[in-house]
C-alpha atoms as a PDB file:
ATOM      1  CA  MET A   1     -71.419 -17.661  69.760  1.00  0.00           C
ATOM      2  CA  MET A   2     -67.679 -18.006  71.309  1.00  0.00           C
ATOM      3  CA  SER A   3     -67.082 -20.604  68.408  1.00  0.00           C
ATOM      4  CA  PHE A   4     -68.270 -18.232  65.959  1.00  0.00           C
ATOM      5  CA  PHE A   5     -65.367 -15.609  66.198  1.00  0.00           C
ATOM      6  CA  ARG A   6     -62.217 -18.558  66.939  1.00  0.00           C
ATOM      7  CA  LYS A   7     -59.254 -17.686  65.115  1.00  0.00           C
ATOM      8  CA  ARG A   8     -58.355 -20.680  62.282  1.00  0.00           C
ATOM      9  CA  PRO A   9     -55.140 -21.645  62.981  1.00  0.00           C
ATOM     10  CA  GLN A  10     -52.518 -20.407  60.566  1.00  0.00           C
ATOM     11  CA  ALA A  11     -50.536 -22.243  58.242  1.00  0.00           C
ATOM     12  CA  PRO A  12     -46.981 -22.950  59.251  1.00  0.00           C
ATOM     13  CA  VAL A  13     -44.748 -20.417  57.532  1.00  0.00           C
ATOM     14  CA  ASP A  14     -42.496 -22.023  55.017  1.00  0.00           C
ATOM     15  CA  PRO A  15     -39.263 -20.971  55.538  1.00  0.00           C
ATOM     16  CA  TYR A  16     -38.261 -20.969  52.069  1.00  0.00           C
ATOM     17  CA  GLY A  17     -41.566 -19.236  50.938  1.00  0.00           C
ATOM     18  CA  ASP A  18     -39.429 -16.664  48.825  1.00  0.00           C
ATOM     19  CA  ARG A  19     -36.920 -19.026  47.535  1.00  0.00           C
ATOM     20  CA  PRO A  20     -37.347 -19.346  43.556  1.00  0.00           C
ATOM     21  CA  SER A  21     -38.336 -22.492  42.140  1.00  0.00           C
ATOM     22  CA  SER A  22     -35.748 -24.656  40.256  1.00  0.00           C
ATOM     23  CA  MET A  23     -38.180 -23.992  37.246  1.00  0.00           C
ATOM     24  CA  SER A  24     -37.831 -20.364  38.075  1.00  0.00           C
ATOM     25  CA  LEU A  25     -34.120 -20.050  37.926  1.00  0.00           C
ATOM     26  CA  PHE A  26     -34.313 -22.378  35.143  1.00  0.00           C
ATOM     27  CA  TRP A  27     -36.105 -20.121  33.046  1.00  0.00           C
ATOM     28  CA  GLN A  28     -33.964 -16.817  33.800  1.00  0.00           C
ATOM     29  CA  ARG A  29     -30.932 -18.219  33.015  1.00  0.00           C
ATOM     30  CA  GLN A  30     -32.336 -19.054  29.556  1.00  0.00           C
ATOM     31  CA  LYS A  31     -33.623 -15.528  29.232  1.00  0.00           C
ATOM     32  CA  ALA A  32     -30.057 -14.436  30.008  1.00  0.00           C
ATOM     33  CA  ILE A  33     -28.600 -16.949  27.310  1.00  0.00           C
ATOM     34  CA  LEU A  34     -31.339 -15.990  24.999  1.00  0.00           C
ATOM     35  CA  ARG A  35     -30.752 -12.023  25.569  1.00  0.00           C
ATOM     36  CA  ARG A  36     -27.259 -12.445  24.845  1.00  0.00           C
ATOM     37  CA  LEU A  37     -27.951 -14.614  21.698  1.00  0.00           C
ATOM     38  CA  SER A  38     -29.920 -12.222  20.403  1.00  0.00           C
ATOM     39  CA  ILE A  39     -27.615  -9.671  20.540  1.00  0.00           C
ATOM     40  CA  LEU A  40     -25.262 -11.827  18.857  1.00  0.00           C
ATOM     41  CA  GLY A  41     -27.392 -12.445  16.432  1.00  0.00           C
ATOM     42  CA  LEU A  42     -28.496  -9.088  15.688  1.00  0.00           C
ATOM     43  CA  VAL A  43     -24.902  -8.302  15.160  1.00  0.00           C
ATOM     44  CA  CYS A  44     -24.007 -11.218  12.671  1.00  0.00           C
ATOM     45  CA  PHE A  45     -27.012  -9.807  10.635  1.00  0.00           C
ATOM     46  CA  LEU A  46     -26.249  -6.188  10.510  1.00  0.00           C
ATOM     47  CA  MET A  47     -22.414  -7.077   9.600  1.00  0.00           C
ATOM     48  CA  ALA A  48     -23.160  -8.846   6.946  1.00  0.00           C
ATOM     49  CA  GLY A  49     -25.397  -6.466   5.761  1.00  0.00           C
ATOM     50  CA  ALA A  50     -22.483  -4.315   6.239  1.00  0.00           C
ATOM     51  CA  GLY A  51     -20.061  -6.603   4.328  1.00  0.00           C
ATOM     52  CA  TRP A  52     -22.664  -7.029   1.413  1.00  0.00           C
ATOM     53  CA  LEU A  53     -23.042  -2.819   0.869  1.00  0.00           C
ATOM     54  CA  ALA A  54     -18.849  -3.100   0.882  1.00  0.00           C
ATOM     55  CA  TRP A  55     -18.861  -5.182  -1.653  1.00  0.00           C
ATOM     56  CA  SER A  56     -21.342  -3.564  -3.566  1.00  0.00           C
ATOM     57  CA  SER A  57     -20.977  -0.122  -3.296  1.00  0.00           C
ATOM     58  CA  GLN A  58     -17.914   2.306  -3.496  1.00  0.00           C
ATOM     59  CA  GLY A  59     -18.874   3.901  -0.839  1.00  0.00           C
ATOM     60  CA  GLY A  60     -20.196   0.669   1.342  1.00  0.00           C
ATOM     61  CA  HIS A  61     -16.676   0.502   2.562  1.00  0.00           C
ATOM     62  CA  ARG A  62     -16.783   3.671   4.550  1.00  0.00           C
ATOM     63  CA  LEU A  63     -20.019   2.808   5.474  1.00  0.00           C
ATOM     64  CA  ALA A  64     -19.152  -1.027   6.872  1.00  0.00           C
ATOM     65  CA  ASP A  65     -16.470   0.563   8.663  1.00  0.00           C
ATOM     66  CA  SER A  66     -18.505   3.216  10.447  1.00  0.00           C
ATOM     67  CA  LEU A  67     -20.922   0.170  11.336  1.00  0.00           C
ATOM     68  CA  ARG A  68     -18.500  -2.594  12.710  1.00  0.00           C
ATOM     69  CA  THR A  69     -17.762   0.460  14.941  1.00  0.00           C
ATOM     70  CA  ARG A  70     -20.960   1.400  16.223  1.00  0.00           C
ATOM     71  CA  LEU A  71     -21.687  -2.276  16.781  1.00  0.00           C
ATOM     72  CA  SER A  72     -18.712  -2.912  18.615  1.00  0.00           C
ATOM     73  CA  ALA A  73     -20.052  -1.661  21.700  1.00  0.00           C
ATOM     74  CA  LEU A  74     -23.289  -3.828  21.723  1.00  0.00           C
ATOM     75  CA  ASP A  75     -20.949  -6.759  21.292  1.00  0.00           C
ATOM     76  CA  PRO A  76     -20.766  -8.989  24.386  1.00  0.00           C
ATOM     77  CA  LEU A  77     -17.975 -10.972  22.803  1.00  0.00           C
ATOM     78  CA  LYS A  78     -14.545  -9.762  23.685  1.00  0.00           C
ATOM     79  CA  ILE A  79     -11.097 -11.198  22.306  1.00  0.00           C
ATOM     80  CA  GLN A  80      -9.200 -13.120  24.984  1.00  0.00           C
ATOM     81  CA  HIS A  81      -7.146 -15.161  22.906  1.00  0.00           C
ATOM     82  CA  ILE A  82      -5.052 -14.671  19.897  1.00  0.00           C
ATOM     83  CA  VAL A  83      -3.436 -18.019  18.479  1.00  0.00           C
ATOM     84  CA  ILE A  84      -0.535 -18.043  15.873  1.00  0.00           C
ATOM     85  CA  THR A  85       0.827 -21.059  14.184  1.00  0.00           C
ATOM     86  CA  GLY A  86       3.173 -21.814  11.271  1.00  0.00           C
ATOM     87  CA  ARG A  87       5.481 -18.783  12.120  1.00  0.00           C
ATOM     88  CA  ARG A  88       8.986 -19.435  12.008  1.00  0.00           C
ATOM     89  CA  LEU A  89      10.755 -16.592  10.845  1.00  0.00           C
ATOM     90  CA  THR A  90       7.990 -13.297  11.196  1.00  0.00           C
ATOM     91  CA  ASP A  91       8.296 -11.762  14.019  1.00  0.00           C
ATOM     92  CA  GLU A  92       4.833 -12.343  16.338  1.00  0.00           C
ATOM     93  CA  SER A  93       4.640  -8.306  16.805  1.00  0.00           C
ATOM     94  CA  ASP A  94       4.350  -8.152  13.109  1.00  0.00           C
ATOM     95  CA  ILE A  95       1.636 -10.121  12.579  1.00  0.00           C
ATOM     96  CA  MET A  96      -0.161  -9.166  15.643  1.00  0.00           C
ATOM     97  CA  GLU A  97       0.076  -5.335  13.720  1.00  0.00           C
ATOM     98  CA  ALA A  98      -0.769  -6.590  10.631  1.00  0.00           C
ATOM     99  CA  LEU A  99      -3.991  -7.894  12.401  1.00  0.00           C
ATOM    100  CA  GLY A 100      -5.178  -4.783  13.701  1.00  0.00           C
ATOM    101  CA  THR A 101      -6.605  -5.441  16.974  1.00  0.00           C
ATOM    102  CA  GLY A 102      -6.152  -7.066  19.819  1.00  0.00           C
ATOM    103  CA  LEU A 103      -7.147  -8.707  23.410  1.00  0.00           C
ATOM    104  CA  ASN A 104     -10.035  -7.159  24.568  1.00  0.00           C
ATOM    105  CA  HIS A 105     -11.408  -5.576  22.061  1.00  0.00           C
ATOM    106  CA  SER A 106     -14.615  -6.760  20.113  1.00  0.00           C
ATOM    107  CA  LEU A 107     -14.202 -10.240  18.060  1.00  0.00           C
ATOM    108  CA  PHE A 108     -16.396  -8.427  15.343  1.00  0.00           C
ATOM    109  CA  SER A 109     -14.620  -4.958  15.624  1.00  0.00           C
ATOM    110  CA  PHE A 110     -12.424  -5.533  12.394  1.00  0.00           C
ATOM    111  CA  SER A 111     -12.508  -7.184   9.190  1.00  0.00           C
ATOM    112  CA  VAL A 112     -11.022 -10.996   8.615  1.00  0.00           C
ATOM    113  CA  GLU A 113     -10.313 -10.449   5.138  1.00  0.00           C
ATOM    114  CA  ALA A 114      -8.710  -6.913   5.574  1.00  0.00           C
ATOM    115  CA  ALA A 115      -6.226  -8.322   8.330  1.00  0.00           C
ATOM    116  CA  ARG A 116      -5.425 -11.588   6.283  1.00  0.00           C
ATOM    117  CA  GLN A 117      -4.358  -9.290   3.140  1.00  0.00           C
ATOM    118  CA  ARG A 118      -1.738  -7.140   5.304  1.00  0.00           C
ATOM    119  CA  ILE A 119      -0.659 -10.333   7.010  1.00  0.00           C
ATOM    120  CA  ASP A 120       0.199 -11.914   3.625  1.00  0.00           C
ATOM    121  CA  GLU A 121       2.063  -8.488   2.521  1.00  0.00           C
ATOM    122  CA  LEU A 122       4.630  -9.241   5.159  1.00  0.00           C
ATOM    123  CA  PRO A 123       8.271 -10.142   3.641  1.00  0.00           C
ATOM    124  CA  PHE A 124       8.248 -13.593   4.806  1.00  0.00           C
ATOM    125  CA  ILE A 125       4.978 -14.697   4.439  1.00  0.00           C
ATOM    126  CA  GLU A 126       3.565 -16.941   1.215  1.00  0.00           C
ATOM    127  CA  HIS A 127      -0.294 -17.136   2.584  1.00  0.00           C
ATOM    128  CA  SER A 128      -2.180 -16.678   5.532  1.00  0.00           C
ATOM    129  CA  THR A 129      -5.966 -17.452   7.024  1.00  0.00           C
ATOM    130  CA  VAL A 130      -7.580 -15.469   9.970  1.00  0.00           C
ATOM    131  CA  GLU A 131     -10.227 -16.796  11.527  1.00  0.00           C
ATOM    132  CA  ARG A 132     -13.105 -16.087  14.339  1.00  0.00           C
ATOM    133  CA  HIS A 133     -13.547 -18.346  16.621  1.00  0.00           C
ATOM    134  CA  LEU A 134     -16.802 -18.334  19.098  1.00  0.00           C
ATOM    135  CA  PRO A 135     -16.814 -17.126  21.834  1.00  0.00           C
ATOM    136  CA  ASP A 136     -13.426 -15.170  22.464  1.00  0.00           C
ATOM    137  CA  THR A 137     -10.891 -16.637  20.066  1.00  0.00           C
ATOM    138  CA  ILE A 138      -8.663 -15.681  16.761  1.00  0.00           C
ATOM    139  CA  ASN A 139      -6.812 -18.369  14.911  1.00  0.00           C
ATOM    140  CA  ILE A 140      -4.053 -17.230  12.572  1.00  0.00           C
ATOM    141  CA  THR A 141      -2.605 -19.712  10.870  1.00  0.00           C
ATOM    142  CA  VAL A 142       0.610 -18.257   8.407  1.00  0.00           C
ATOM    143  CA  GLU A 143       2.963 -20.480   5.677  1.00  0.00           C
ATOM    144  CA  GLU A 144       6.005 -18.968   5.197  1.00  0.00           C
ATOM    145  CA  LYS A 145       8.110 -18.524   2.417  1.00  0.00           C
ATOM    146  CA  ASN A 146      10.956 -21.338   2.740  1.00  0.00           C
ATOM    147  CA  PRO A 147      14.636 -19.636   2.438  1.00  0.00           C
ATOM    148  CA  ILE A 148      17.553 -21.913   3.010  1.00  0.00           C
ATOM    149  CA  ALA A 149      20.244 -19.202   2.825  1.00  0.00           C
ATOM    150  CA  ILE A 150      21.202 -14.956   2.632  1.00  0.00           C
ATOM    151  CA  TRP A 151      22.789 -14.573  -0.221  1.00  0.00           C
ATOM    152  CA  GLN A 152      25.162 -11.684  -0.316  1.00  0.00           C
ATOM    153  CA  MET A 153      25.595 -10.209  -4.184  1.00  0.00           C
ATOM    154  CA  GLU A 154      27.087  -6.765  -4.814  1.00  0.00           C
ATOM    155  CA  GLY A 155      26.206  -5.128  -1.390  1.00  0.00           C
ATOM    156  CA  HIS A 156      22.775  -6.792  -1.519  1.00  0.00           C
ATOM    157  CA  PHE A 157      21.271  -9.235   1.007  1.00  0.00           C
ATOM    158  CA  VAL A 158      18.249 -11.280  -0.126  1.00  0.00           C
ATOM    159  CA  LEU A 159      16.363 -14.525   0.848  1.00  0.00           C
ATOM    160  CA  ILE A 160      16.959 -17.630  -1.673  1.00  0.00           C
ATOM    161  CA  ASN A 161      15.235 -20.984  -1.495  1.00  0.00           C
ATOM    162  CA  GLN A 162      16.468 -24.947  -2.651  1.00  0.00           C
ATOM    163  CA  LYS A 163      16.232 -23.799  -6.084  1.00  0.00           C
ATOM    164  CA  GLY A 164      18.169 -20.412  -5.675  1.00  0.00           C
ATOM    165  CA  ASP A 165      15.522 -18.255  -6.381  1.00  0.00           C
ATOM    166  CA  THR A 166      14.765 -15.206  -4.870  1.00  0.00           C
ATOM    167  CA  VAL A 167      12.066 -15.917  -2.247  1.00  0.00           C
ATOM    168  CA  SER A 168      11.767 -12.096  -0.954  1.00  0.00           C
ATOM    169  CA  ARG A 169      13.032  -8.530  -2.157  1.00  0.00           C
ATOM    170  CA  GLN A 170      13.355  -7.624   1.423  1.00  0.00           C
ATOM    171  CA  GLU A 171      16.734  -6.762   2.215  1.00  0.00           C
ATOM    172  CA  LEU A 172      18.664  -6.579   5.373  1.00  0.00           C
ATOM    173  CA  THR A 173      17.455  -4.193   8.141  1.00  0.00           C
ATOM    174  CA  ALA A 174      17.563  -3.464  11.943  1.00  0.00           C
ATOM    175  CA  LYS A 175      14.070  -4.745  12.433  1.00  0.00           C
ATOM    176  CA  ASN A 176      14.656  -7.996  10.586  1.00  0.00           C
ATOM    177  CA  SER A 177      18.272  -8.585  11.276  1.00  0.00           C
ATOM    178  CA  SER A 178      17.245 -11.188  13.635  1.00  0.00           C
ATOM    179  CA  VAL A 179      15.488 -13.545  10.956  1.00  0.00           C
ATOM    180  CA  PHE A 180      18.425 -12.789   8.824  1.00  0.00           C
ATOM    181  CA  ARG A 181      20.917 -14.289  11.696  1.00  0.00           C
ATOM    182  CA  LYS A 182      19.022 -17.256  11.684  1.00  0.00           C
ATOM    183  CA  LEU A 183      20.190 -18.694   8.077  1.00  0.00           C
ATOM    184  CA  PRO A 184      23.588 -19.380   6.566  1.00  0.00           C
ATOM    185  CA  LEU A 185      25.261 -16.556   4.431  1.00  0.00           C
ATOM    186  CA  VAL A 186      26.197 -17.452   1.000  1.00  0.00           C
ATOM    187  CA  VAL A 187      28.182 -14.925  -0.638  1.00  0.00           C
ATOM    188  CA  GLY A 188      28.973 -14.355  -4.595  1.00  0.00           C
ATOM    189  CA  ALA A 189      28.202 -14.805  -8.005  1.00  0.00           C
ATOM    190  CA  GLY A 190      26.568 -17.960  -8.920  1.00  0.00           C
ATOM    191  CA  ALA A 191      26.507 -18.866  -4.701  1.00  0.00           C
ATOM    192  CA  ASN A 192      22.326 -18.974  -4.964  1.00  0.00           C
ATOM    193  CA  LEU A 193      22.557 -21.771  -7.365  1.00  0.00           C
ATOM    194  CA  GLU A 194      25.141 -23.997  -5.339  1.00  0.00           C
ATOM    195  CA  ALA A 195      24.057 -22.639  -1.706  1.00  0.00           C
ATOM    196  CA  ASN A 196      21.861 -25.707  -1.451  1.00  0.00           C
ATOM    197  CA  ALA A 197      24.212 -28.732  -2.060  1.00  0.00           C
ATOM    198  CA  ILE A 198      27.058 -26.956   0.183  1.00  0.00           C
ATOM    199  CA  ILE A 199      24.353 -26.602   3.150  1.00  0.00           C
ATOM    200  CA  THR A 200      23.150 -29.632   2.875  1.00  0.00           C
ATOM    201  CA  LEU A 201      26.767 -30.783   2.961  1.00  0.00           C
ATOM    202  CA  LEU A 202      27.507 -28.930   6.175  1.00  0.00           C
ATOM    203  CA  ASP A 203      25.226 -30.404   7.984  1.00  0.00           C
ATOM    204  CA  GLN A 204      27.208 -33.712   7.905  1.00  0.00           C
ATOM    205  CA  PHE A 205      29.695 -32.073   9.712  1.00  0.00           C
ATOM    206  CA  PRO A 206      28.206 -30.182  12.813  1.00  0.00           C
ATOM    207  CA  ASP A 207      31.592 -29.581  14.525  1.00  0.00           C
ATOM    208  CA  ILE A 208      32.605 -27.711  11.214  1.00  0.00           C
ATOM    209  CA  ASN A 209      29.256 -26.214  10.478  1.00  0.00           C
ATOM    210  CA  SER A 210      29.348 -24.571  14.115  1.00  0.00           C
ATOM    211  CA  HIS A 211      32.048 -22.238  13.198  1.00  0.00           C
ATOM    212  CA  THR A 212      31.127 -21.140   9.945  1.00  0.00           C
ATOM    213  CA  LEU A 213      30.570 -17.800   8.956  1.00  0.00           C
ATOM    214  CA  ALA A 214      30.311 -17.325   5.317  1.00  0.00           C
ATOM    215  CA  LEU A 215      30.208 -19.939   2.587  1.00  0.00           C
ATOM    216  CA  ILE A 216      31.990 -17.658  -0.604  1.00  0.00           C
ATOM    217  CA  ARG A 217      31.701 -19.009  -4.061  1.00  0.00           C
ATOM    218  CA  ILE A 218      35.166 -18.716  -6.099  1.00  0.00           C
ATOM    219  CA  GLY A 219      34.616 -18.427  -9.788  1.00  0.00           C
ATOM    220  CA  GLN A 220      31.404 -19.993  -9.710  1.00  0.00           C
ATOM    221  CA  ARG A 221      33.437 -22.903  -9.323  1.00  0.00           C
ATOM    222  CA  ARG A 222      34.411 -23.965  -5.972  1.00  0.00           C
ATOM    223  CA  TRP A 223      34.026 -22.805  -2.299  1.00  0.00           C
ATOM    224  CA  ASN A 224      36.023 -20.757   0.134  1.00  0.00           C
ATOM    225  CA  ILE A 225      34.260 -21.114   4.119  1.00  0.00           C
ATOM    226  CA  LEU A 226      34.670 -18.084   6.158  1.00  0.00           C
ATOM    227  CA  MET A 227      35.136 -19.275  10.078  1.00  0.00           C
ATOM    228  CA  GLN A 228      33.685 -17.149  12.738  1.00  0.00           C
ATOM    229  CA  ASN A 229      37.715 -16.639  13.883  1.00  0.00           C
ATOM    230  CA  GLY A 230      38.770 -15.607  10.659  1.00  0.00           C
ATOM    231  CA  THR A 231      40.444 -18.318   9.330  1.00  0.00           C
ATOM    232  CA  THR A 232      39.540 -19.183   5.759  1.00  0.00           C
ATOM    233  CA  LEU A 233      38.869 -22.885   4.536  1.00  0.00           C
ATOM    234  CA  MET A 234      40.063 -23.467   0.996  1.00  0.00           C
ATOM    235  CA  LEU A 235      37.686 -26.086  -0.260  1.00  0.00           C
ATOM    236  CA  PRO A 236      38.296 -28.460  -3.927  1.00  0.00           C
ATOM    237  CA  GLU A 237      36.005 -28.445  -6.955  1.00  0.00           C
ATOM    238  CA  GLY A 238      33.647 -31.077  -7.035  1.00  0.00           C
ATOM    239  CA  ALA A 239      35.359 -32.640  -3.980  1.00  0.00           C
ATOM    240  CA  GLU A 240      33.811 -31.114  -0.964  1.00  0.00           C
ATOM    241  CA  SER A 241      32.624 -33.884   0.644  1.00  0.00           C
ATOM    242  CA  ALA A 242      36.343 -35.528   0.822  1.00  0.00           C
ATOM    243  CA  ALA A 243      38.287 -32.377   2.021  1.00  0.00           C
ATOM    244  CA  LEU A 244      35.471 -32.022   4.981  1.00  0.00           C
ATOM    245  CA  SER A 245      35.569 -35.408   6.035  1.00  0.00           C
ATOM    246  CA  ARG A 246      39.523 -34.868   5.959  1.00  0.00           C
ATOM    247  CA  LEU A 247      38.901 -31.534   8.012  1.00  0.00           C
ATOM    248  CA  HIS A 248      36.704 -33.285  10.549  1.00  0.00           C
ATOM    249  CA  ASP A 249      39.498 -35.871  11.313  1.00  0.00           C
ATOM    250  CA  TYR A 250      41.986 -33.049  12.019  1.00  0.00           C
ATOM    251  CA  GLN A 251      39.150 -31.341  13.864  1.00  0.00           C
ATOM    252  CA  ASN A 252      39.010 -34.224  16.230  1.00  0.00           C
ATOM    253  CA  ASP A 253      42.670 -34.997  16.581  1.00  0.00           C
ATOM    254  CA  TYR A 254      44.260 -31.210  17.003  1.00  0.00           C
ATOM    255  CA  GLN A 255      40.968 -28.738  17.191  1.00  0.00           C
ATOM    256  CA  LEU A 256      42.372 -27.070  13.811  1.00  0.00           C
ATOM    257  CA  LEU A 257      39.299 -24.862  13.876  1.00  0.00           C
ATOM    258  CA  ASP A 258      40.141 -23.541  17.057  1.00  0.00           C
ATOM    259  CA  ARG A 259      43.278 -22.294  16.422  1.00  0.00           C
ATOM    260  CA  PRO A 260      44.643 -18.931  14.869  1.00  0.00           C
ATOM    261  CA  LEU A 261      45.203 -19.674  11.291  1.00  0.00           C
ATOM    262  CA  LYS A 262      44.923 -17.486   8.277  1.00  0.00           C
ATOM    263  CA  THR A 263      43.943 -19.896   5.890  1.00  0.00           C
ATOM    264  CA  ILE A 264      43.583 -24.079   5.576  1.00  0.00           C
ATOM    265  CA  ASP A 265      43.906 -24.996   1.930  1.00  0.00           C
ATOM    266  CA  MET A 266      42.535 -28.439   1.069  1.00  0.00           C
ATOM    267  CA  ARG A 267      42.539 -27.904  -2.699  1.00  0.00           C
ATOM    268  CA  LEU A 268      44.791 -30.766  -3.383  1.00  0.00           C
ATOM    269  CA  SER A 269      43.582 -34.119  -2.389  1.00  0.00           C
ATOM    270  CA  ASP A 270      47.090 -35.346  -0.829  1.00  0.00           C
ATOM    271  CA  ARG A 271      47.482 -32.624   1.227  1.00  0.00           C
ATOM    272  CA  MET A 272      46.512 -29.854   3.385  1.00  0.00           C
ATOM    273  CA  VAL A 273      48.850 -26.323   3.795  1.00  0.00           C
ATOM    274  CA  ILE A 274      48.175 -24.226   6.711  1.00  0.00           C
ATOM    275  CA  HIS A 275      49.022 -20.480   7.127  1.00  0.00           C
ATOM    276  CA  PRO A 276      49.265 -19.790  10.508  1.00  0.00           C
ATOM    277  CA  ALA A 277      47.512 -16.159  11.112  1.00  0.00           C
ATOM    278  CA  THR A 278      49.958 -13.440  11.078  1.00  0.00           C
ATOM    279  CA  PRO A 279      50.473 -11.705  14.753  1.00  0.00           C
ATOM    280  CA  GLN A 280      49.966  -8.272  15.360  1.00  0.00           C
ATOM    281  CA  GLY A 281      52.559  -6.197  14.545  1.00  0.00           C
ATOM    282  CA  ALA A 282      54.535  -8.623  12.662  1.00  0.00           C
ATOM    283  CA  ASP A 283      56.235  -7.506   9.101  1.00  0.00           C
ATOM    284  CA  GLN A 284      56.324 -10.489   7.506  1.00  0.00           C
ATOM    285  CA  GLU A 285      53.784 -13.307   7.166  1.00  0.00           C
ATOM    286  CA  ALA A 286      54.869 -16.999   8.708  1.00  0.00           C
ATOM    287  CA  PRO A 287      55.454 -19.952   6.639  1.00  0.00           C
ATOM    288  CA  PRO A 288      53.037 -22.327   5.707  1.00  0.00           C
ATOM    289  CA  ALA A 289      52.703 -25.415   8.040  1.00  0.00           C
ATOM    290  CA  THR A 290      51.877 -28.940   7.045  1.00  0.00           C
ATOM    291  CA  PRO A 291      49.741 -31.157   9.648  1.00  0.00           C
ATOM    292  CA  PRO A 292      51.004 -35.122   9.842  1.00  0.00           C
ATOM    293  CA  SER A 293      51.072 -37.098   6.921  1.00  0.00           C
ATOM    294  CA  GLU A 294      47.542 -38.808   6.525  1.00  0.00           C
ATOM    295  CA  ASN A 295      49.706 -42.029   5.121  1.00  0.00           C
END
């Protein structure tokens, strides 16, 4: 009788009994991923529908914008990176303003096409592409117009390309002055058509180019170069390379461009006539000075 009421031995307690199995953990992770993907799929589907409505009807634009705003609240994907490539002249802040969105905003809260059109309207942009890259990146690639110089004509400043054509009607303003300072300045009638040749030539003489402030076209025939210290270099017509080569030698030997001079006249191939700067308060101009003979 006693054996009938004897307690059965209890199974040992598993210390890990409450711990979920590896299979259970796997399915929990999969459910979380599937839940996020289902939300993303719904967002993409509804965004596509909004795009179709915008394309097919006049009132679709307003409906698409409203739908996009509402969907952004459901969107788990936030912008964490905005990558801009190809920019040289255009300020990054101008591109960001034209983009119309920013970090920590929904990746689907703006129109890629509308953003591209706004960026293309910036003065120095030739073409742009705007792309979403899941899960958190916007890539912006811009192709800028390729100005080589600023052309000043009758008080107006415009950008020109290698052919001398105007690449932007955007004029010098306080906002874009930093862009204009990066480029050479050519002045006068016809300067735009000959700018590429003289700029390319000056690139071969960095010691002269570093002193240059502006290139002034005289009578649509030849160039004067205004230096940063106020000196005017007068180049001969059609023999600019030889004259600059001579000036390069004088700069090395005498630091000519670092001296207070009014003009350096190199229009004659066998001589260089130098006019010293007039001292402040002096009534008469100092007589021309000629450097040592080149022979």
